[in-house]
């Protein structure tokens, strides 16, 4: 079962984005009970507890290799763990879910542009068409099928935080090409998490002391456990494995599934009824994913 799961990178990406979409719904639900820096910190603290039993057996033998490659470990840890989710949680305090979802869908475009600038990777015609088709689907969903709604979207402080999140995730995805080879994936994830938690801890303590603290309840504890186990631990294990298998361009294309899954999950758990533009948008996104994952002929 494990080999079958990790042998299919597209299944890993599908599950990853499903977990991350659940994180968006959970984050909205916990917005009043758990402030953004606290949610980011506990998400990764829980993930670290889960990954350590798998990472520690490799620490002694692979420590010299990890130490020799500390620079990419620090950069990737800060970007993937310390920045992206923290910036996104902060963004949702100030901007609408519609604007955040639209801005987050720029991740594949940002990733492919960065892959071209940093790695010299050019887009194939099929990949370019896939971006256009799936991004059209995302735009249809977040604009509710209305051009007036789309044109009425304006940038505010939250949108700028979301753009920082998009940029940090695009650099992280491309940067995975430079992650040190020969280090066990679980040990590497643990190292990323430790690095990301270093700036998050003082930021979380500051937020607790000066802004507000977590409203402790069964609901908030269950929500934080979800973010640590699924989008935090499993999501990053799956995503890193998939990027290693199919590269950053195809992997980032699956981010376009987030508005699709978020719409479905919000309908199930928040009682939000889907409309025609959701169906059209979902169909376009899946068409874009299909195009992006096709192998060129010949």
Protein backbone atom coordinates (compact mmCIF):
# COMPACT_ATOMS: atom_id res chain seq x y z
CA UNK A 1 0.00 0.00 0.00
CA UNK A 2 2.83 2.41 0.94
CA UNK A 3 4.70 1.73 -2.30
CA UNK A 4 1.53 2.15 -4.33
CA UNK A 5 0.78 5.48 -2.63
CA UNK A 6 4.27 6.96 -2.93
CA UNK A 7 4.63 5.53 -6.44
CA UNK A 8 1.85 7.80 -7.71
CA UNK A 9 2.92 11.45 -7.37
CA UNK A 10 -0.38 12.74 -8.73
CA UNK A 11 -2.31 10.94 -6.01
CA UNK A 12 0.06 12.49 -3.48
CA UNK A 13 -0.61 15.95 -4.93
CA UNK A 14 -4.36 15.32 -4.95
CA UNK A 15 -4.33 14.36 -1.26
CA UNK A 16 -1.99 17.22 -0.36
CA UNK A 17 -4.27 19.86 -1.84
CA UNK A 18 -7.30 18.19 -0.24
CA UNK A 19 -5.59 18.48 3.17
CA UNK A 20 -4.59 22.09 2.52
CA UNK A 21 -8.11 22.98 1.42
CA UNK A 22 -9.41 21.52 4.65
CA UNK A 23 -6.89 23.75 6.38
CA UNK A 24 -8.46 26.81 4.74
CA UNK A 25 -11.93 25.80 5.92
CA UNK A 26 -10.59 24.99 9.37
CA UNK A 27 -8.72 28.28 9.53
CA UNK A 28 -11.90 30.21 8.77
CA UNK A 29 -13.79 28.24 11.38
CA UNK A 30 -11.13 28.88 14.03
CA UNK A 31 -10.53 32.52 13.14
CA UNK A 32 -12.09 33.93 16.31
CA UNK A 33 -10.69 31.24 18.64
CA UNK A 34 -7.10 30.85 17.41
CA UNK A 35 -5.05 33.88 16.26
CA UNK A 36 -2.90 33.44 13.14
CA UNK A 37 0.58 33.17 14.67
CA UNK A 38 -0.67 30.73 17.30
CA UNK A 39 -2.26 28.57 14.59
CA UNK A 40 0.94 28.57 12.54
CA UNK A 41 3.10 27.73 15.56
CA UNK A 42 0.96 24.87 16.90
CA UNK A 43 0.44 23.45 13.42
CA UNK A 44 4.19 22.96 13.04
CA UNK A 45 4.85 22.01 16.65
CA UNK A 46 2.36 19.14 16.26
CA UNK A 47 3.87 18.17 12.90
CA UNK A 48 7.34 18.09 14.48
CA UNK A 49 6.18 15.72 17.22
CA UNK A 50 4.81 13.41 14.51
CA UNK A 51 7.90 13.46 12.30
CA UNK A 52 10.56 13.07 15.02
CA UNK A 53 10.08 9.30 15.58
CA UNK A 54 10.79 8.75 11.87
CA UNK A 55 13.62 11.31 11.70
CA UNK A 56 15.69 10.65 14.82
CA UNK A 57 16.94 7.15 13.81
CA UNK A 58 18.73 8.82 10.86
CA UNK A 59 20.11 11.84 12.73
CA UNK A 60 23.41 10.39 13.96
CA UNK A 61 24.50 8.86 10.65
CA UNK A 62 23.31 11.76 8.45
CA UNK A 63 24.19 14.69 10.71
CA UNK A 64 27.48 15.46 8.85
CA UNK A 65 25.58 15.64 5.54
CA UNK A 66 22.84 17.77 7.08
CA UNK A 67 25.39 20.11 8.66
CA UNK A 68 27.32 20.47 5.41
CA UNK A 69 24.13 21.51 3.59
CA UNK A 70 22.77 23.86 6.25
CA UNK A 71 22.23 26.79 3.87
CA UNK A 72 19.49 25.23 1.67
CA UNK A 73 17.96 23.63 4.77
CA UNK A 74 17.66 27.02 6.49
CA UNK A 75 16.28 28.77 3.40
CA UNK A 76 13.72 26.05 2.62
CA UNK A 77 12.69 25.76 6.26
CA UNK A 78 12.08 29.48 6.57
CA UNK A 79 10.13 29.65 3.30
CA UNK A 80 8.06 26.47 3.45
CA UNK A 81 7.44 26.26 7.20
CA UNK A 82 8.08 29.70 8.63
CA UNK A 83 6.58 31.93 5.95
CA UNK A 84 3.86 30.51 3.67
CA UNK A 85 1.15 29.41 6.11
CA UNK A 86 1.93 32.20 8.56
CA UNK A 87 1.50 34.83 5.85
CA UNK A 88 -1.70 33.15 4.62
CA UNK A 89 -3.21 33.02 8.14
CA UNK A 90 -2.39 36.70 8.63
CA UNK A 91 -3.86 37.55 5.21
CA UNK A 92 -7.20 35.97 6.10
CA UNK A 93 -7.53 38.38 9.01
CA UNK A 94 -7.77 41.32 6.62
CA UNK A 95 -8.97 40.13 3.21
CA UNK A 96 -11.95 38.20 1.90
CA UNK A 97 -11.78 34.50 1.14
CA UNK A 98 -12.54 35.37 -2.51
CA UNK A 99 -9.49 37.60 -2.83
CA UNK A 100 -7.26 35.15 -0.95
CA UNK A 101 -8.33 32.22 -3.13
CA UNK A 102 -7.75 34.20 -6.32
CA UNK A 103 -4.30 35.36 -5.20
CA UNK A 104 -3.33 31.86 -4.04
CA UNK A 105 -4.13 30.54 -7.49
CA UNK A 106 -1.18 32.56 -8.81
CA UNK A 107 1.15 29.99 -7.19
CA UNK A 108 1.54 27.87 -10.38
CA UNK A 109 2.26 30.97 -12.47
CA UNK A 110 4.76 32.29 -9.92
CA UNK A 111 6.41 28.87 -9.64
CA UNK A 112 6.80 28.45 -13.38
CA UNK A 113 8.18 31.99 -13.74
CA UNK A 114 10.68 31.32 -10.93
CA UNK A 115 11.59 27.94 -12.45
CA UNK A 116 12.39 29.76 -15.69
CA UNK A 117 14.43 32.48 -13.95
CA UNK A 118 16.31 30.22 -11.51
CA UNK A 119 16.49 26.90 -13.36
CA UNK A 120 16.11 27.93 -17.00
CA UNK A 121 13.04 25.69 -17.40
CA UNK A 122 10.77 26.76 -20.24
CA UNK A 123 7.06 26.08 -20.44
CA UNK A 124 5.80 23.68 -23.06
CA UNK A 125 2.74 24.76 -25.07
CA UNK A 126 0.69 22.16 -23.20
CA UNK A 127 1.78 23.52 -19.81
CA UNK A 128 0.98 27.07 -20.91
CA UNK A 129 -2.47 26.00 -22.09
CA UNK A 130 -3.01 24.12 -18.83
CA UNK A 131 -2.30 27.27 -16.81
CA UNK A 132 -4.74 29.33 -18.87
CA UNK A 133 -7.54 26.74 -18.66
CA UNK A 134 -7.24 26.02 -14.94
CA UNK A 135 -6.74 29.67 -14.01
CA UNK A 136 -9.90 30.51 -15.95
CA UNK A 137 -11.68 27.92 -13.83
CA UNK A 138 -10.34 29.42 -10.61
CA UNK A 139 -11.35 32.92 -11.72
CA UNK A 140 -14.85 31.66 -12.55
CA UNK A 141 -15.23 30.26 -9.03
CA UNK A 142 -13.91 33.20 -7.04
CA UNK A 143 -15.70 35.83 -9.18
CA UNK A 144 -19.03 33.93 -8.97
CA UNK A 145 -19.14 34.01 -12.75
CA UNK A 146 -19.46 37.81 -12.71
CA UNK A 147 -17.10 40.14 -14.53
CA UNK A 148 -18.21 43.01 -12.28
CA UNK A 149 -17.18 41.04 -9.17
CA UNK A 150 -13.81 40.24 -10.72
CA UNK A 151 -13.14 43.83 -11.73
CA UNK A 152 -14.25 45.04 -8.30
CA UNK A 153 -11.53 43.10 -6.47
CA UNK A 154 -8.99 45.49 -4.93
CA UNK A 155 -5.77 44.90 -3.04
CA UNK A 156 -5.71 45.61 0.69
CA UNK A 157 -3.26 44.81 3.49
CA UNK A 158 -4.41 41.17 3.58
CA UNK A 159 -3.96 40.78 -0.16
CA UNK A 160 -0.36 41.98 0.12
CA UNK A 161 0.28 39.37 2.84
CA UNK A 162 -1.22 36.74 0.52
CA UNK A 163 1.06 37.82 -2.32
CA UNK A 164 4.02 37.37 0.04
CA UNK A 165 2.69 33.88 0.84
CA UNK A 166 2.44 33.05 -2.87
CA UNK A 167 5.98 34.29 -3.51
CA UNK A 168 7.42 32.34 -0.58
CA UNK A 169 5.71 29.11 -1.69
CA UNK A 170 6.81 29.53 -5.29
CA UNK A 171 10.45 29.99 -4.20
CA UNK A 172 10.13 27.01 -1.81
CA UNK A 173 8.78 24.74 -4.55
CA UNK A 174 11.52 25.68 -7.00
CA UNK A 175 14.10 25.57 -4.20
CA UNK A 176 13.32 21.94 -3.50
CA UNK A 177 15.48 21.23 -6.55
CA UNK A 178 18.47 22.20 -4.38
CA UNK A 179 17.55 20.26 -1.27
CA UNK A 180 20.47 18.11 -0.10
CA UNK A 181 20.51 14.61 -1.58
CA UNK A 182 21.14 11.51 0.50
CA UNK A 183 19.23 12.75 3.56
CA UNK A 184 16.20 10.77 4.67
CA UNK A 185 13.01 12.71 3.73
CA UNK A 186 11.67 12.55 7.29
CA UNK A 187 14.91 13.91 8.74
CA UNK A 188 14.87 16.68 6.14
CA UNK A 189 11.26 17.57 6.96
CA UNK A 190 12.15 17.63 10.67
CA UNK A 191 15.06 19.97 9.93
CA UNK A 192 12.80 22.27 7.86
CA UNK A 193 10.27 22.29 10.69
CA UNK A 194 12.81 23.10 13.40
CA UNK A 195 14.15 25.98 11.30
CA UNK A 196 10.64 27.31 10.63
CA UNK A 197 9.63 27.10 14.29
CA UNK A 198 12.60 29.21 15.43
CA UNK A 199 11.11 32.55 14.27
CA UNK A 200 7.54 31.36 14.90
CA UNK A 201 8.09 30.77 18.63
CA UNK A 202 8.99 34.36 19.59
CA UNK A 203 6.32 35.67 17.19
CA UNK A 204 3.70 33.44 18.85
CA UNK A 205 4.78 34.52 22.35
CA UNK A 206 4.59 38.18 21.30
CA UNK A 207 1.10 37.68 19.87
CA UNK A 208 -0.07 35.97 23.08
CA UNK A 209 1.33 38.72 25.28
CA UNK A 210 0.25 41.76 23.27
CA UNK A 211 -2.65 40.81 20.98
CA UNK A 212 -4.73 37.84 22.10
CA UNK A 213 -4.31 34.23 23.14
CA UNK A 214 -5.90 30.96 22.08
CA UNK A 215 -9.46 30.40 23.30
CA UNK A 216 -8.86 26.86 24.56
CA UNK A 217 -11.76 24.49 23.87
CA UNK A 218 -12.34 21.03 22.44
CA UNK A 219 -13.13 22.66 19.09
CA UNK A 220 -9.97 24.74 18.93
CA UNK A 221 -7.76 21.85 20.10
CA UNK A 222 -9.29 19.49 17.52
CA UNK A 223 -8.79 22.09 14.81
CA UNK A 224 -5.13 22.61 15.68
CA UNK A 225 -4.59 18.85 15.73
CA UNK A 226 -6.06 18.62 12.22
CA UNK A 227 -3.75 21.34 10.91
CA UNK A 228 -0.71 19.61 12.42
CA UNK A 229 -1.51 16.06 11.30
CA UNK A 230 -2.93 16.48 7.81
CA UNK A 231 -1.84 19.72 6.09
CA UNK A 232 1.25 20.05 8.31
CA UNK A 233 2.77 16.56 8.52
CA UNK A 234 1.19 14.45 5.77
CA UNK A 235 0.75 17.36 3.36
CA UNK A 236 4.43 18.27 3.33
CA UNK A 237 5.62 14.64 3.19
CA UNK A 238 3.40 14.03 0.18
CA UNK A 239 4.20 17.35 -1.54
CA UNK A 240 7.97 17.01 -1.20
CA UNK A 241 7.82 13.45 -2.58
CA UNK A 242 5.68 14.56 -5.52
CA UNK A 243 7.93 17.50 -6.42
CA UNK A 244 10.91 15.14 -6.42
CA UNK A 245 9.05 12.86 -8.86
CA UNK A 246 7.43 15.27 -11.35
CA UNK A 247 9.14 18.63 -10.78
CA UNK A 248 7.89 22.03 -9.59
CA UNK A 249 5.90 23.04 -12.68
CA UNK A 250 3.49 20.10 -12.71
CA UNK A 251 3.30 19.95 -8.92
CA UNK A 252 2.36 23.60 -8.51
CA UNK A 253 -0.42 23.21 -11.09
CA UNK A 254 -2.38 21.20 -8.51
CA UNK A 255 -2.68 24.32 -6.31
CA UNK A 256 -5.52 25.29 -8.65
CA UNK A 257 -7.52 22.49 -7.02
CA UNK A 258 -7.67 24.42 -3.74
CA UNK A 259 -10.67 26.62 -4.64
CA UNK A 260 -12.39 23.49 -5.97
CA UNK A 261 -11.90 21.45 -2.81
CA UNK A 262 -12.55 24.44 -0.58
CA UNK A 263 -15.89 24.98 -2.30
CA UNK A 264 -16.86 21.32 -1.84
CA UNK A 265 -15.73 21.19 1.80
CA UNK A 266 -17.45 24.47 2.62
CA UNK A 267 -20.65 23.05 1.14
CA UNK A 268 -20.38 19.93 3.32
CA UNK A 269 -19.19 21.44 6.61
CA UNK A 270 -20.35 25.06 6.46
CA UNK A 271 -23.61 24.57 4.60
CA UNK A 272 -22.60 26.79 1.67
CA UNK A 273 -24.64 25.82 -1.37
CA UNK A 274 -22.69 25.44 -4.67
CA UNK A 275 -23.88 27.38 -7.74
CA UNK A 276 -23.47 26.99 -11.50
CA UNK A 277 -20.18 28.89 -11.56
CA UNK A 278 -18.70 26.40 -9.09
CA UNK A 279 -19.52 23.51 -11.44
CA UNK A 280 -18.12 25.32 -14.50
CA UNK A 281 -15.00 26.38 -12.62
CA UNK A 282 -14.36 22.90 -11.23
CA UNK A 283 -14.68 21.39 -14.72
CA UNK A 284 -12.16 23.88 -16.12
CA UNK A 285 -9.70 23.27 -13.29
CA UNK A 286 -9.80 19.51 -13.82
CA UNK A 287 -9.33 20.06 -17.56
CA UNK A 288 -6.23 22.14 -16.81
CA UNK A 289 -4.86 19.47 -14.47
CA UNK A 290 -5.45 16.84 -17.16
CA UNK A 291 -3.50 18.90 -19.68
CA UNK A 292 -0.68 19.61 -17.23
CA UNK A 293 -0.16 15.95 -16.39
CA UNK A 294 -0.20 14.65 -19.96
CA UNK A 295 3.12 13.54 -21.33
CA UNK A 296 4.05 15.17 -24.64
CA UNK A 297 3.77 12.93 -27.67
CA UNK A 298 6.94 11.41 -29.03
